Amino acid sequence: MSEWVGWDEVRKKFPVNEKRVAKYAKMMQAAIDGVKLSELRQLRRFTQAQMAKRLKIDQSNVSRIERGRFDAVEIRTLRKYVEALGGELEIRVNIDDASQRLIDSEYEKKMERRLARQVAAKRKKKAPVKSASKAKSVAKRRRTTIQKARVGTRPGRAR
């Protein structure tokens, strides 16, 4: 008969890479969280295609979220997904025993509005929109310059 070997002896003989175990545990938890989101979507009787159309994103992004691939999805997309299901996104930072809310849906919406305003301001600087009265005065000056040129005088010069 063979001799029994204890678990401690097996671990000594075949050491476990704790970092690798932690990495796979984190991946498994993300996948579980994605499946939970998928189940919530199905309870509300939405298909992935319907969710994608509602969120104005590709169906592949919906699939990524539901597979727990949160690192490959923008926060704004994840927020839209959660809100479409009637929830609210919250991102927390946990360090040791301290926990701090970092981003919630209201913060994300605020940042999105701020970014939209900045983009609009840059566009406005690039292509200034003239008012109707200013456009008329510019056209009048051009006509005056053209008329003076026909007469043989130049604007701003004395005869």
Protein backbone atom coordinates (compact mmCIF):
# COMPACT_ATOMS: atom_id res chain seq x y z
CA MET A 1 0.00 0.00 0.00
CA SER A 2 1.08 3.56 -0.67
CA GLU A 3 1.89 6.07 2.01
CA TRP A 4 -0.43 9.06 2.53
CA VAL A 5 1.04 12.49 1.94
CA GLY A 6 -0.27 15.48 3.84
CA TRP A 7 -1.36 18.75 2.19
CA ASP A 8 1.52 20.65 3.79
CA GLU A 9 4.03 18.32 2.15
CA VAL A 10 2.34 18.75 -1.24
CA ARG A 11 2.47 22.55 -0.90
CA LYS A 12 6.17 22.38 -0.05
CA LYS A 13 6.82 20.23 -3.08
CA PHE A 14 4.63 22.35 -5.41
CA PRO A 15 4.62 25.95 -4.16
CA VAL A 16 1.65 28.14 -5.08
CA ASN A 17 2.21 31.44 -6.86
CA GLU A 18 0.05 33.71 -4.66
CA LYS A 19 0.15 36.61 -7.14
CA ARG A 20 -1.15 34.35 -9.89
CA VAL A 21 -3.91 33.01 -7.64
CA ALA A 22 -4.95 36.57 -6.71
CA LYS A 23 -4.98 37.58 -10.39
CA TYR A 24 -7.27 34.68 -11.34
CA ALA A 25 -9.49 35.29 -8.32
CA LYS A 26 -9.93 38.91 -9.44
CA MET A 27 -10.74 37.79 -12.99
CA MET A 28 -13.29 35.30 -11.68
CA GLN A 29 -14.96 37.97 -9.52
CA ALA A 30 -15.19 40.32 -12.52
CA ALA A 31 -16.76 37.55 -14.59
CA ILE A 32 -19.29 36.85 -11.82
CA ASP A 33 -20.15 40.56 -11.62
CA GLY A 34 -20.63 40.63 -15.40
CA VAL A 35 -22.94 37.63 -15.26
CA LYS A 36 -25.00 39.39 -12.58
CA LEU A 37 -25.38 42.41 -14.88
CA SER A 38 -26.39 40.08 -17.70
CA GLU A 39 -29.05 38.49 -15.48
CA LEU A 40 -30.40 41.94 -14.54
CA ARG A 41 -30.63 42.83 -18.23
CA GLN A 42 -32.47 39.59 -18.99
CA LEU A 43 -34.91 40.17 -16.11
CA ARG A 44 -35.84 43.46 -17.76
CA ARG A 45 -36.35 41.54 -21.02
CA PHE A 46 -33.67 43.31 -23.05
CA THR A 47 -31.42 41.58 -25.54
CA GLN A 48 -27.81 42.66 -25.94
CA ALA A 49 -28.72 44.21 -29.30
CA GLN A 50 -31.58 46.20 -27.75
CA MET A 51 -29.30 47.47 -24.97
CA ALA A 52 -26.67 48.44 -27.51
CA LYS A 53 -29.21 50.37 -29.57
CA ARG A 54 -30.58 52.07 -26.46
CA LEU A 55 -27.08 53.09 -25.33
CA LYS A 56 -25.91 53.96 -28.85
CA ILE A 57 -22.92 51.61 -28.62
CA ASP A 58 -21.84 48.41 -30.36
CA GLN A 59 -23.28 45.11 -29.17
CA SER A 60 -19.70 43.96 -28.59
CA ASN A 61 -19.37 46.56 -25.80
CA VAL A 62 -22.47 45.18 -24.10
CA SER A 63 -20.95 41.70 -24.38
CA ARG A 64 -17.66 42.96 -22.91
CA ILE A 65 -19.48 44.40 -19.91
CA GLU A 66 -21.39 41.17 -19.34
CA ARG A 67 -18.22 39.09 -19.54
CA GLY A 68 -16.69 41.21 -16.77
CA ARG A 69 -14.16 42.93 -19.05
CA PHE A 70 -14.62 46.25 -17.23
CA ASP A 71 -11.03 47.31 -17.95
CA ALA A 72 -11.86 47.39 -21.69
CA VAL A 73 -14.95 49.61 -21.29
CA GLU A 74 -15.13 53.36 -20.67
CA ILE A 75 -16.61 54.45 -17.36
CA ARG A 76 -19.23 56.53 -19.17
CA THR A 77 -20.39 53.45 -21.13
CA LEU A 78 -20.61 51.38 -17.97
CA ARG A 79 -22.56 54.19 -16.28
CA LYS A 80 -25.04 54.34 -19.18
CA TYR A 81 -25.47 50.55 -19.03
CA VAL A 82 -26.17 50.55 -15.30
CA GLU A 83 -28.56 53.51 -15.54
CA ALA A 84 -30.45 51.82 -18.40
CA LEU A 85 -31.11 48.97 -15.96
CA GLY A 86 -32.37 51.45 -13.36
CA GLY A 87 -29.25 51.51 -11.22
CA GLU A 88 -26.48 53.92 -10.33
CA LEU A 89 -22.76 53.41 -10.87
CA GLU A 90 -20.41 53.98 -7.96
CA ILE A 91 -16.65 53.50 -7.95
CA ARG A 92 -14.99 53.00 -4.57
CA VAL A 93 -11.37 52.91 -3.51
CA ASN A 94 -10.50 50.49 -0.72
CA ILE A 95 -7.11 50.88 0.93
CA ASP A 96 -6.48 48.80 4.04
CA ASP A 97 -9.54 49.39 6.23
CA ALA A 98 -10.46 52.74 4.64
CA SER A 99 -13.07 53.00 1.91
CA GLN A 100 -13.74 56.12 -0.13
CA ARG A 101 -16.29 56.75 -2.87
CA LEU A 102 -14.30 58.02 -5.82
CA ILE A 103 -16.82 58.40 -8.62
CA ASP A 104 -20.59 58.12 -8.71
CA SER A 105 -23.07 58.78 -11.50
CA GLU A 106 -23.59 62.42 -10.56
CA TYR A 107 -19.84 63.09 -10.62
CA GLU A 108 -19.51 61.34 -13.98
CA LYS A 109 -22.38 63.37 -15.47
CA LYS A 110 -20.81 66.59 -14.15
CA MET A 111 -17.45 65.73 -15.75
CA GLU A 112 -19.18 64.84 -19.03
CA ARG A 113 -20.98 68.23 -19.10
CA ARG A 114 -17.73 70.06 -18.30
CA LEU A 115 -15.92 68.27 -21.13
CA ALA A 116 -18.75 69.09 -23.55
CA ARG A 117 -18.52 72.78 -22.60
CA GLN A 118 -14.74 72.78 -23.12
CA VAL A 119 -15.09 71.17 -26.55
CA ALA A 120 -17.81 73.66 -27.51
CA ALA A 121 -15.62 76.58 -26.38
CA LYS A 122 -12.70 75.34 -28.49
CA ARG A 123 -14.95 74.99 -31.53
CA LYS A 124 -16.30 78.48 -30.96
CA LYS A 125 -12.77 79.94 -30.90
CA LYS A 126 -11.84 78.18 -34.14
CA ALA A 127 -14.86 79.35 -36.14
CA PRO A 128 -16.22 82.62 -34.76
CA VAL A 129 -19.84 83.21 -35.63
CA LYS A 130 -20.54 86.76 -36.73
CA SER A 131 -23.74 88.45 -35.80
CA ALA A 132 -25.99 89.71 -38.57
CA SER A 133 -25.24 93.38 -37.81
CA LYS A 134 -21.49 92.78 -37.81
CA ALA A 135 -21.72 90.89 -41.10
CA LYS A 136 -23.64 93.84 -42.60
CA SER A 137 -21.03 96.37 -41.46
CA VAL A 138 -18.20 94.23 -42.89
CA ALA A 139 -20.07 93.99 -46.22
CA LYS A 140 -20.64 97.78 -46.21
CA ARG A 141 -16.92 98.45 -45.65
CA ARG A 142 -16.05 96.14 -48.50
CA ARG A 143 -18.48 97.91 -50.83
CA THR A 144 -17.02 101.29 -49.82
CA THR A 145 -13.49 100.04 -50.47
CA ILE A 146 -14.48 98.71 -53.89
CA GLN A 147 -16.22 101.98 -54.83
CA LYS A 148 -13.21 104.08 -53.78
CA ALA A 149 -10.90 101.79 -55.73
CA ARG A 150 -13.01 102.38 -58.85
CA VAL A 151 -12.74 106.13 -58.37
CA GLY A 152 -8.99 105.84 -57.95
CA THR A 153 -8.63 106.51 -54.25
CA ARG A 154 -7.64 104.16 -51.52
CA PRO A 155 -9.25 104.02 -48.10
CA GLY A 156 -7.20 105.65 -45.35
CA ARG A 157 -5.15 107.88 -47.70
CA ALA A 158 -5.56 111.56 -48.22
CA ARG A 159 -5.75 112.96 -51.75
